Amino acid sequence: MNENEQYHNDTTRISKSGTDLINKTPAHYYERYLNPDRIKVDDTKALIIGSAFHAYILERDEFNSMFIILPEFSGKGSRDKKEQFILNNSGRQPLSINDFQTIVGMSEALNRHPIASKLINESGFAERAFHWTDKTTGAKCKCKPDRFNTTRNLIIDLKSTEDASEKDFKYSAKKFRYYVQDAFYSDGMSANGVNVAGFVFISVEKSPPYLVQCFSYTEDEKEFGRAEYKKNLQTYVDCKAKNVWPGYPETITNLEIPGMGFL
């Protein structure tokens, strides 16, 4: 088991993704991480492309060991040739030539961007795991930032997306709680003695012209994210102590039609 697998398989600590599931319901967290009979769900194509893009940008050697580019097989026996090629490269995720060209296009666009290219290419380190115990709740936590720019003391997070516009990113940021990620990662690295000056999200589109945009939160927004994850950690600690992981309310919930007001 490599270092990355060890990190993801460590269920003694909770990650930001774990707090998202706790925020949905503790039952979702239990099913994803703790249920001994859980069914492994295969990654979607979007997740595979996102993972490959991260590795290509941040850890090129890791990319070459984790992924393999599928040649274009044609003619008689092409299916058997493809299956044999995948079998010969077992342990590496196959990528189509088109998918690889997408990743290269995203990479080139990122390197053309005046801010994003500096943040990625300046001195720093990538994919380093951090562990700490939250002082407020006693929860054991972990995080693994995409990159830390040591020139500017900034946490950098890469987001591959269909739409990098401000309007769409705000929607994704709310849905996936990026403000929680900012606070959680910043606090985790600070607890390990790292001087964190800020957090920047780099959003890169997955189709031409592969537009790039950078985003960050204010201190007030980060503080809101901090309050949210602290609440999630307390729920996690309480559920773990009782070994009770509740789901949705077991009552009938009244629905309201949005925008009806007093009607």
C-alpha atoms as a PDB file:
ATOM      1  CA  MET A   1       0.000   0.000   0.000  1.00  0.00           C
ATOM      2  CA  ASN A   2       1.489   3.357  -1.056  1.00  0.00           C
ATOM      3  CA  GLU A   3       1.394   6.586   0.947  1.00  0.00           C
ATOM      4  CA  ASN A   4      -1.683   7.911  -0.856  1.00  0.00           C
ATOM      5  CA  GLU A   5      -3.625   4.701  -0.212  1.00  0.00           C
ATOM      6  CA  GLN A   6      -2.591   4.755   3.451  1.00  0.00           C
ATOM      7  CA  TYR A   7      -3.877   8.297   3.768  1.00  0.00           C
ATOM      8  CA  HIS A   8      -7.264   7.545   2.227  1.00  0.00           C
ATOM      9  CA  ASN A   9      -7.672   4.240   4.091  1.00  0.00           C
ATOM     10  CA  ASP A  10      -7.013   5.814   7.502  1.00  0.00           C
ATOM     11  CA  THR A  11     -10.457   5.898   9.133  1.00  0.00           C
ATOM     12  CA  THR A  12      -9.108   6.933  12.537  1.00  0.00           C
ATOM     13  CA  ARG A  13      -9.091  10.540  11.296  1.00  0.00           C
ATOM     14  CA  ILE A  14     -11.678  12.671   9.539  1.00  0.00           C
ATOM     15  CA  SER A  15     -11.004  14.727   6.409  1.00  0.00           C
ATOM     16  CA  LYS A  16     -12.848  17.695   4.957  1.00  0.00           C
ATOM     17  CA  SER A  17     -14.714  15.284   2.672  1.00  0.00           C
ATOM     18  CA  GLY A  18     -15.729  13.426   5.811  1.00  0.00           C
ATOM     19  CA  THR A  19     -17.173  16.597   7.346  1.00  0.00           C
ATOM     20  CA  ASP A  20     -19.231  17.061   4.164  1.00  0.00           C
ATOM     21  CA  LEU A  21     -20.803  13.639   4.662  1.00  0.00           C
ATOM     22  CA  ILE A  22     -21.390  14.324   8.366  1.00  0.00           C
ATOM     23  CA  ASN A  23     -23.066  17.571   7.315  1.00  0.00           C
ATOM     24  CA  LYS A  24     -25.388  15.582   5.050  1.00  0.00           C
ATOM     25  CA  THR A  25     -26.073  12.908   7.673  1.00  0.00           C
ATOM     26  CA  PRO A  26     -23.807  10.838   9.933  1.00  0.00           C
ATOM     27  CA  ALA A  27     -25.301   7.753   8.256  1.00  0.00           C
ATOM     28  CA  HIS A  28     -23.676   8.789   4.980  1.00  0.00           C
ATOM     29  CA  TYR A  29     -20.304   9.096   6.718  1.00  0.00           C
ATOM     30  CA  TYR A  30     -20.662   5.683   8.342  1.00  0.00           C
ATOM     31  CA  GLU A  31     -21.575   4.028   5.041  1.00  0.00           C
ATOM     32  CA  ARG A  32     -18.677   5.609   3.161  1.00  0.00           C
ATOM     33  CA  TYR A  33     -15.930   5.045   5.727  1.00  0.00           C
ATOM     34  CA  LEU A  34     -16.899   2.732   8.575  1.00  0.00           C
ATOM     35  CA  ASN A  35     -19.376   0.116   7.389  1.00  0.00           C
ATOM     36  CA  PRO A  36     -17.379  -3.153   7.124  1.00  0.00           C
ATOM     37  CA  ASP A  37     -19.859  -4.388   4.482  1.00  0.00           C
ATOM     38  CA  ARG A  38     -19.760  -1.237   2.346  1.00  0.00           C
ATOM     39  CA  ILE A  39     -19.744  -1.667  -1.420  1.00  0.00           C
ATOM     40  CA  LYS A  40     -16.886   0.013  -3.261  1.00  0.00           C
ATOM     41  CA  VAL A  41     -18.159   2.415  -5.895  1.00  0.00           C
ATOM     42  CA  ASP A  42     -16.040   2.861  -9.028  1.00  0.00           C
ATOM     43  CA  ASP A  43     -14.817   6.369  -9.800  1.00  0.00           C
ATOM     44  CA  THR A  44     -16.741   8.313 -12.430  1.00  0.00           C
ATOM     45  CA  LYS A  45     -15.015   9.509 -15.585  1.00  0.00           C
ATOM     46  CA  ALA A  46     -15.063  13.083 -14.210  1.00  0.00           C
ATOM     47  CA  LEU A  47     -13.225  11.979 -11.064  1.00  0.00           C
ATOM     48  CA  ILE A  48     -10.677  10.033 -13.102  1.00  0.00           C
ATOM     49  CA  ILE A  49      -9.991  13.027 -15.360  1.00  0.00           C
ATOM     50  CA  GLY A  50      -9.728  15.298 -12.319  1.00  0.00           C
ATOM     51  CA  SER A  51      -7.285  12.936 -10.614  1.00  0.00           C
ATOM     52  CA  ALA A  52      -5.203  12.603 -13.774  1.00  0.00           C
ATOM     53  CA  PHE A  53      -5.114  16.390 -14.228  1.00  0.00           C
ATOM     54  CA  HIS A  54      -3.935  16.885 -10.640  1.00  0.00           C
ATOM     55  CA  ALA A  55      -1.210  14.296 -11.043  1.00  0.00           C
ATOM     56  CA  TYR A  56      -0.096  15.671 -14.429  1.00  0.00           C
ATOM     57  CA  ILE A  57       0.248  19.200 -13.017  1.00  0.00           C
ATOM     58  CA  LEU A  58       1.502  18.493  -9.517  1.00  0.00           C
ATOM     59  CA  GLU A  59       3.243  15.106  -9.593  1.00  0.00           C
ATOM     60  CA  ARG A  60       4.356  14.166 -13.101  1.00  0.00           C
ATOM     61  CA  ASP A  61       6.214  11.050 -11.920  1.00  0.00           C
ATOM     62  CA  GLU A  62       3.071   9.909 -10.112  1.00  0.00           C
ATOM     63  CA  PHE A  63       1.044  10.513 -13.264  1.00  0.00           C
ATOM     64  CA  ASN A  64       3.304   8.181 -15.240  1.00  0.00           C
ATOM     65  CA  SER A  65       3.002   5.457 -12.622  1.00  0.00           C
ATOM     66  CA  MET A  66      -0.753   5.833 -12.096  1.00  0.00           C
ATOM     67  CA  PHE A  67      -2.037   6.318 -15.654  1.00  0.00           C
ATOM     68  CA  ILE A  68      -1.435   4.830 -19.090  1.00  0.00           C
ATOM     69  CA  ILE A  69      -2.470   6.325 -22.457  1.00  0.00           C
ATOM     70  CA  LEU A  70      -4.510   3.927 -24.568  1.00  0.00           C
ATOM     71  CA  PRO A  71      -3.358   3.656 -28.206  1.00  0.00           C
ATOM     72  CA  GLU A  72      -6.059   3.746 -30.861  1.00  0.00           C
ATOM     73  CA  PHE A  73      -6.753   0.134 -31.801  1.00  0.00           C
ATOM     74  CA  SER A  74      -8.554  -0.565 -35.074  1.00  0.00           C
ATOM     75  CA  GLY A  75      -9.234  -3.388 -37.464  1.00  0.00           C
ATOM     76  CA  LYS A  76      -9.604  -7.077 -36.811  1.00  0.00           C
ATOM     77  CA  GLY A  77      -8.831  -8.119 -33.254  1.00  0.00           C
ATOM     78  CA  SER A  78      -8.720  -4.513 -31.992  1.00  0.00           C
ATOM     79  CA  ARG A  79     -10.884  -5.351 -28.986  1.00  0.00           C
ATOM     80  CA  ASP A  80      -8.617  -8.210 -27.942  1.00  0.00           C
ATOM     81  CA  LYS A  81      -5.542  -6.009 -28.444  1.00  0.00           C
ATOM     82  CA  LYS A  82      -7.045  -3.309 -26.241  1.00  0.00           C
ATOM     83  CA  GLU A  83      -7.927  -5.775 -23.490  1.00  0.00           C
ATOM     84  CA  GLN A  84      -4.433  -7.266 -23.631  1.00  0.00           C
ATOM     85  CA  PHE A  85      -2.848  -3.811 -23.469  1.00  0.00           C
ATOM     86  CA  ILE A  86      -4.869  -2.964 -20.346  1.00  0.00           C
ATOM     87  CA  LEU A  87      -3.987  -6.340 -18.826  1.00  0.00           C
ATOM     88  CA  ASN A  88      -0.282  -5.763 -19.519  1.00  0.00           C
ATOM     89  CA  ASN A  89      -0.529  -2.421 -17.719  1.00  0.00           C
ATOM     90  CA  SER A  90      -2.656  -3.531 -14.774  1.00  0.00           C
ATOM     91  CA  GLY A  91      -2.432  -1.147 -11.844  1.00  0.00           C
ATOM     92  CA  ARG A  92      -2.474   1.889 -14.117  1.00  0.00           C
ATOM     93  CA  GLN A  93      -5.694   3.698 -15.010  1.00  0.00           C
ATOM     94  CA  PRO A  94      -6.146   3.777 -18.811  1.00  0.00           C
ATOM     95  CA  LEU A  95      -6.835   7.149 -20.411  1.00  0.00           C
ATOM     96  CA  SER A  96      -8.043   7.632 -23.957  1.00  0.00           C
ATOM     97  CA  ILE A  97      -5.957   9.802 -26.265  1.00  0.00           C
ATOM     98  CA  ASN A  98      -8.771  12.375 -26.270  1.00  0.00           C
ATOM     99  CA  ASP A  99      -8.832  12.494 -22.469  1.00  0.00           C
ATOM    100  CA  PHE A 100      -5.058  12.894 -22.354  1.00  0.00           C
ATOM    101  CA  GLN A 101      -5.229  15.709 -24.920  1.00  0.00           C
ATOM    102  CA  THR A 102      -7.802  17.398 -22.676  1.00  0.00           C
ATOM    103  CA  ILE A 103      -5.425  17.181 -19.714  1.00  0.00           C
ATOM    104  CA  VAL A 104      -2.555  18.594 -21.795  1.00  0.00           C
ATOM    105  CA  GLY A 105      -4.786  21.439 -23.020  1.00  0.00           C
ATOM    106  CA  MET A 106      -5.796  22.283 -19.449  1.00  0.00           C
ATOM    107  CA  SER A 107      -2.167  22.212 -18.364  1.00  0.00           C
ATOM    108  CA  GLU A 108      -1.068  24.532 -21.160  1.00  0.00           C
ATOM    109  CA  ALA A 109      -3.887  26.978 -20.382  1.00  0.00           C
ATOM    110  CA  LEU A 110      -2.947  26.988 -16.717  1.00  0.00           C
ATOM    111  CA  ASN A 111       0.680  27.740 -17.574  1.00  0.00           C
ATOM    112  CA  ARG A 112      -0.417  30.662 -19.770  1.00  0.00           C
ATOM    113  CA  HIS A 113      -2.399  32.241 -16.941  1.00  0.00           C
ATOM    114  CA  PRO A 114      -0.273  35.003 -15.312  1.00  0.00           C
ATOM    115  CA  ILE A 115      -1.367  34.303 -11.727  1.00  0.00           C
ATOM    116  CA  ALA A 116      -2.149  30.577 -11.754  1.00  0.00           C
ATOM    117  CA  SER A 117       1.157  29.704 -13.428  1.00  0.00           C
ATOM    118  CA  LYS A 118       3.150  31.535 -10.752  1.00  0.00           C
ATOM    119  CA  LEU A 119       1.215  29.960  -7.908  1.00  0.00           C
ATOM    120  CA  ILE A 120       1.787  26.478  -9.324  1.00  0.00           C
ATOM    121  CA  ASN A 121       5.379  26.845 -10.538  1.00  0.00           C
ATOM    122  CA  GLU A 122       6.927  28.840  -7.689  1.00  0.00           C
ATOM    123  CA  SER A 123       8.694  26.985  -4.866  1.00  0.00           C
ATOM    124  CA  GLY A 124       6.526  24.681  -2.794  1.00  0.00           C
ATOM    125  CA  PHE A 125       5.399  21.116  -2.242  1.00  0.00           C
ATOM    126  CA  ALA A 126       2.451  19.007  -3.395  1.00  0.00           C
ATOM    127  CA  GLU A 127       0.153  16.362  -1.909  1.00  0.00           C
ATOM    128  CA  ARG A 128       1.708  16.326   1.567  1.00  0.00           C
ATOM    129  CA  ALA A 129      -0.487  14.853   4.307  1.00  0.00           C
ATOM    130  CA  PHE A 130      -1.047  16.695   7.584  1.00  0.00           C
ATOM    131  CA  HIS A 131      -2.498  15.248  10.812  1.00  0.00           C
ATOM    132  CA  TRP A 132      -3.705  17.057  13.905  1.00  0.00           C
ATOM    133  CA  THR A 133      -6.194  16.942  16.771  1.00  0.00           C
ATOM    134  CA  ASP A 134      -8.831  19.659  16.836  1.00  0.00           C
ATOM    135  CA  LYS A 135      -8.494  21.452  20.189  1.00  0.00           C
ATOM    136  CA  THR A 136     -12.182  22.353  20.443  1.00  0.00           C
ATOM    137  CA  THR A 137     -13.703  18.910  19.856  1.00  0.00           C
ATOM    138  CA  GLY A 138     -10.808  16.481  20.293  1.00  0.00           C
ATOM    139  CA  ALA A 139     -11.470  15.061  16.817  1.00  0.00           C
ATOM    140  CA  LYS A 140      -8.484  13.562  15.009  1.00  0.00           C
ATOM    141  CA  CYS A 141      -8.250  15.219  11.608  1.00  0.00           C
ATOM    142  CA  LYS A 142      -6.290  14.995   8.373  1.00  0.00           C
ATOM    143  CA  CYS A 143      -5.878  16.972   5.170  1.00  0.00           C
ATOM    144  CA  LYS A 144      -3.832  16.726   1.998  1.00  0.00           C
ATOM    145  CA  PRO A 145      -3.581  20.054   0.139  1.00  0.00           C
ATOM    146  CA  ASP A 146      -2.971  19.928  -3.609  1.00  0.00           C
ATOM    147  CA  ARG A 147      -0.027  22.293  -3.301  1.00  0.00           C
ATOM    148  CA  PHE A 148       1.522  24.748  -0.852  1.00  0.00           C
ATOM    149  CA  ASN A 149       3.337  27.717  -2.368  1.00  0.00           C
ATOM    150  CA  THR A 150       6.206  28.403   0.044  1.00  0.00           C
ATOM    151  CA  THR A 151       7.143  31.624  -1.768  1.00  0.00           C
ATOM    152  CA  ARG A 152       3.849  33.231  -0.743  1.00  0.00           C
ATOM    153  CA  ASN A 153       2.692  30.819   2.000  1.00  0.00           C
ATOM    154  CA  LEU A 154      -0.496  30.038   0.078  1.00  0.00           C
ATOM    155  CA  ILE A 155      -2.513  26.829  -0.072  1.00  0.00           C
ATOM    156  CA  ILE A 156      -3.383  26.097  -3.709  1.00  0.00           C
ATOM    157  CA  ASP A 157      -6.322  23.926  -4.729  1.00  0.00           C
ATOM    158  CA  LEU A 158      -6.929  22.846  -8.333  1.00  0.00           C
ATOM    159  CA  LYS A 159     -10.507  22.452  -9.511  1.00  0.00           C
ATOM    160  CA  SER A 160     -11.256  20.935 -12.921  1.00  0.00           C
ATOM    161  CA  THR A 161     -14.700  22.068 -14.032  1.00  0.00           C
ATOM    162  CA  GLU A 162     -17.106  22.492 -16.929  1.00  0.00           C
ATOM    163  CA  ASP A 163     -17.502  26.202 -16.168  1.00  0.00           C
ATOM    164  CA  ALA A 164     -14.897  28.385 -14.450  1.00  0.00           C
ATOM    165  CA  SER A 165     -17.024  31.530 -14.497  1.00  0.00           C
ATOM    166  CA  GLU A 166     -17.564  33.364 -11.213  1.00  0.00           C
ATOM    167  CA  LYS A 167     -21.307  32.615 -11.304  1.00  0.00           C
ATOM    168  CA  ASP A 168     -20.817  28.860 -11.712  1.00  0.00           C
ATOM    169  CA  PHE A 169     -17.901  28.677  -9.279  1.00  0.00           C
ATOM    170  CA  LYS A 170     -19.994  30.365  -6.581  1.00  0.00           C
ATOM    171  CA  TYR A 171     -22.639  27.675  -7.092  1.00  0.00           C
ATOM    172  CA  SER A 172     -20.053  24.877  -6.835  1.00  0.00           C
ATOM    173  CA  ALA A 173     -18.395  26.560  -3.866  1.00  0.00           C
ATOM    174  CA  LYS A 174     -21.676  26.589  -1.978  1.00  0.00           C
ATOM    175  CA  LYS A 175     -22.628  23.032  -2.970  1.00  0.00           C
ATOM    176  CA  PHE A 176     -19.225  21.527  -2.126  1.00  0.00           C
ATOM    177  CA  ARG A 177     -18.480  23.872   0.796  1.00  0.00           C
ATOM    178  CA  TYR A 178     -15.172  25.262  -0.432  1.00  0.00           C
ATOM    179  CA  TYR A 179     -15.281  27.814   2.405  1.00  0.00           C
ATOM    180  CA  VAL A 180     -15.077  24.861   4.807  1.00  0.00           C
ATOM    181  CA  GLN A 181     -12.104  23.471   2.872  1.00  0.00           C
ATOM    182  CA  ASP A 182     -10.311  26.811   3.178  1.00  0.00           C
ATOM    183  CA  ALA A 183     -10.721  26.959   6.965  1.00  0.00           C
ATOM    184  CA  PHE A 184     -10.151  23.241   7.580  1.00  0.00           C
ATOM    185  CA  TYR A 185      -6.917  23.049   5.562  1.00  0.00           C
ATOM    186  CA  SER A 186      -5.603  26.382   6.867  1.00  0.00           C
ATOM    187  CA  ASP A 187      -6.194  25.371  10.483  1.00  0.00           C
ATOM    188  CA  GLY A 188      -4.744  21.896   9.935  1.00  0.00           C
ATOM    189  CA  MET A 189      -1.516  23.185   8.426  1.00  0.00           C
ATOM    190  CA  SER A 190      -1.255  25.926  11.059  1.00  0.00           C
ATOM    191  CA  ALA A 191      -1.594  23.260  13.764  1.00  0.00           C
ATOM    192  CA  ASN A 192       1.486  21.645  12.186  1.00  0.00           C
ATOM    193  CA  GLY A 193       3.501  24.852  12.475  1.00  0.00           C
ATOM    194  CA  VAL A 194       3.063  26.008   8.872  1.00  0.00           C
ATOM    195  CA  ASN A 195       2.617  29.743   8.315  1.00  0.00           C
ATOM    196  CA  VAL A 196      -0.488  29.994   6.104  1.00  0.00           C
ATOM    197  CA  ALA A 197      -1.127  33.421   4.580  1.00  0.00           C
ATOM    198  CA  GLY A 198      -4.119  32.442   2.466  1.00  0.00           C
ATOM    199  CA  PHE A 199      -5.893  29.963   0.209  1.00  0.00           C
ATOM    200  CA  VAL A 200      -6.399  30.213  -3.561  1.00  0.00           C
ATOM    201  CA  PHE A 201      -8.673  28.043  -5.702  1.00  0.00           C
ATOM    202  CA  ILE A 202      -7.618  27.636  -9.331  1.00  0.00           C
ATOM    203  CA  SER A 203     -10.537  26.612 -11.534  1.00  0.00           C
ATOM    204  CA  VAL A 204      -9.706  25.170 -14.985  1.00  0.00           C
ATOM    205  CA  GLU A 205     -12.287  24.308 -17.617  1.00  0.00           C
ATOM    206  CA  LYS A 206     -12.233  20.854 -19.215  1.00  0.00           C
ATOM    207  CA  SER A 207     -13.029  21.950 -22.755  1.00  0.00           C
ATOM    208  CA  PRO A 208     -11.462  24.454 -25.196  1.00  0.00           C
ATOM    209  CA  PRO A 209     -10.389  27.168 -24.722  1.00  0.00           C
ATOM    210  CA  TYR A 210      -9.712  25.716 -21.236  1.00  0.00           C
ATOM    211  CA  LEU A 211     -10.277  29.028 -19.464  1.00  0.00           C
ATOM    212  CA  VAL A 212      -8.772  29.552 -16.011  1.00  0.00           C
ATOM    213  CA  GLN A 213      -9.901  31.702 -13.104  1.00  0.00           C
ATOM    214  CA  CYS A 214      -8.567  32.117  -9.542  1.00  0.00           C
ATOM    215  CA  PHE A 215     -10.707  32.653  -6.447  1.00  0.00           C
ATOM    216  CA  SER A 216     -10.271  33.236  -2.722  1.00  0.00           C
ATOM    217  CA  TYR A 217     -12.391  33.928   0.374  1.00  0.00           C
ATOM    218  CA  THR A 218     -12.338  36.823   2.827  1.00  0.00           C
ATOM    219  CA  GLU A 219     -11.498  36.245   6.493  1.00  0.00           C
ATOM    220  CA  ASP A 220     -15.183  36.566   7.418  1.00  0.00           C
ATOM    221  CA  GLU A 221     -16.102  33.845   4.936  1.00  0.00           C
ATOM    222  CA  LYS A 222     -13.289  31.640   6.215  1.00  0.00           C
ATOM    223  CA  GLU A 223     -14.553  32.156   9.770  1.00  0.00           C
ATOM    224  CA  PHE A 224     -18.005  31.000   8.661  1.00  0.00           C
ATOM    225  CA  GLY A 225     -16.395  27.874   7.183  1.00  0.00           C
ATOM    226  CA  ARG A 226     -14.532  27.320  10.451  1.00  0.00           C
ATOM    227  CA  ALA A 227     -17.763  27.437  12.456  1.00  0.00           C
ATOM    228  CA  GLU A 228     -19.344  24.959  10.030  1.00  0.00           C
ATOM    229  CA  TYR A 229     -16.584  22.359  10.260  1.00  0.00           C
ATOM    230  CA  LYS A 230     -16.357  22.721  14.051  1.00  0.00           C
ATOM    231  CA  LYS A 231     -20.073  21.897  14.221  1.00  0.00           C
ATOM    232  CA  ASN A 232     -19.527  18.867  11.980  1.00  0.00           C
ATOM    233  CA  LEU A 233     -16.590  17.668  14.081  1.00  0.00           C
ATOM    234  CA  GLN A 234     -18.670  17.841  17.253  1.00  0.00           C
ATOM    235  CA  THR A 235     -21.381  15.742  15.602  1.00  0.00           C
ATOM    236  CA  TYR A 236     -18.717  13.275  14.442  1.00  0.00           C
ATOM    237  CA  VAL A 237     -17.216  12.984  17.937  1.00  0.00           C
ATOM    238  CA  ASP A 238     -20.652  12.472  19.526  1.00  0.00           C
ATOM    239  CA  CYS A 239     -21.655   9.810  16.985  1.00  0.00           C
ATOM    240  CA  LYS A 240     -18.357   8.021  17.382  1.00  0.00           C
ATOM    241  CA  ALA A 241     -18.658   7.972  21.176  1.00  0.00           C
ATOM    242  CA  LYS A 242     -22.172   6.492  21.045  1.00  0.00           C
ATOM    243  CA  ASN A 243     -21.591   4.446  17.851  1.00  0.00           C
ATOM    244  CA  VAL A 244     -24.883   5.815  16.584  1.00  0.00           C
ATOM    245  CA  TRP A 245     -24.939   7.308  13.087  1.00  0.00           C
ATOM    246  CA  PRO A 246     -28.402   8.766  12.358  1.00  0.00           C
ATOM    247  CA  GLY A 247     -29.798   9.554   8.925  1.00  0.00           C
ATOM    248  CA  TYR A 248     -32.666  11.833   7.919  1.00  0.00           C
ATOM    249  CA  PRO A 249     -35.502  12.648  10.375  1.00  0.00           C
ATOM    250  CA  GLU A 250     -37.876   9.725  10.869  1.00  0.00           C
ATOM    251  CA  THR A 251     -40.918  11.975  10.756  1.00  0.00           C
ATOM    252  CA  ILE A 252     -43.112  13.485   8.041  1.00  0.00           C
ATOM    253  CA  THR A 253     -41.557  16.763   6.934  1.00  0.00           C
ATOM    254  CA  ASN A 254     -43.782  19.552   5.649  1.00  0.00           C
ATOM    255  CA  LEU A 255     -42.739  20.939   2.276  1.00  0.00           C
ATOM    256  CA  GLU A 256     -42.863  24.581   1.235  1.00  0.00           C
ATOM    257  CA  ILE A 257     -43.002  25.942  -2.303  1.00  0.00           C
ATOM    258  CA  PRO A 258     -40.125  28.409  -2.791  1.00  0.00           C
ATOM    259  CA  GLY A 259     -41.222  31.963  -3.510  1.00  0.00           C
ATOM    260  CA  MET A 260     -44.811  31.595  -2.314  1.00  0.00           C
ATOM    261  CA  GLY A 261     -44.319  33.944   0.639  1.00  0.00           C
ATOM    262  CA  PHE A 262     -47.612  34.318   2.528  1.00  0.00           C
ATOM    263  CA  LEU A 263     -49.631  32.490  -0.172  1.00  0.00           C
END
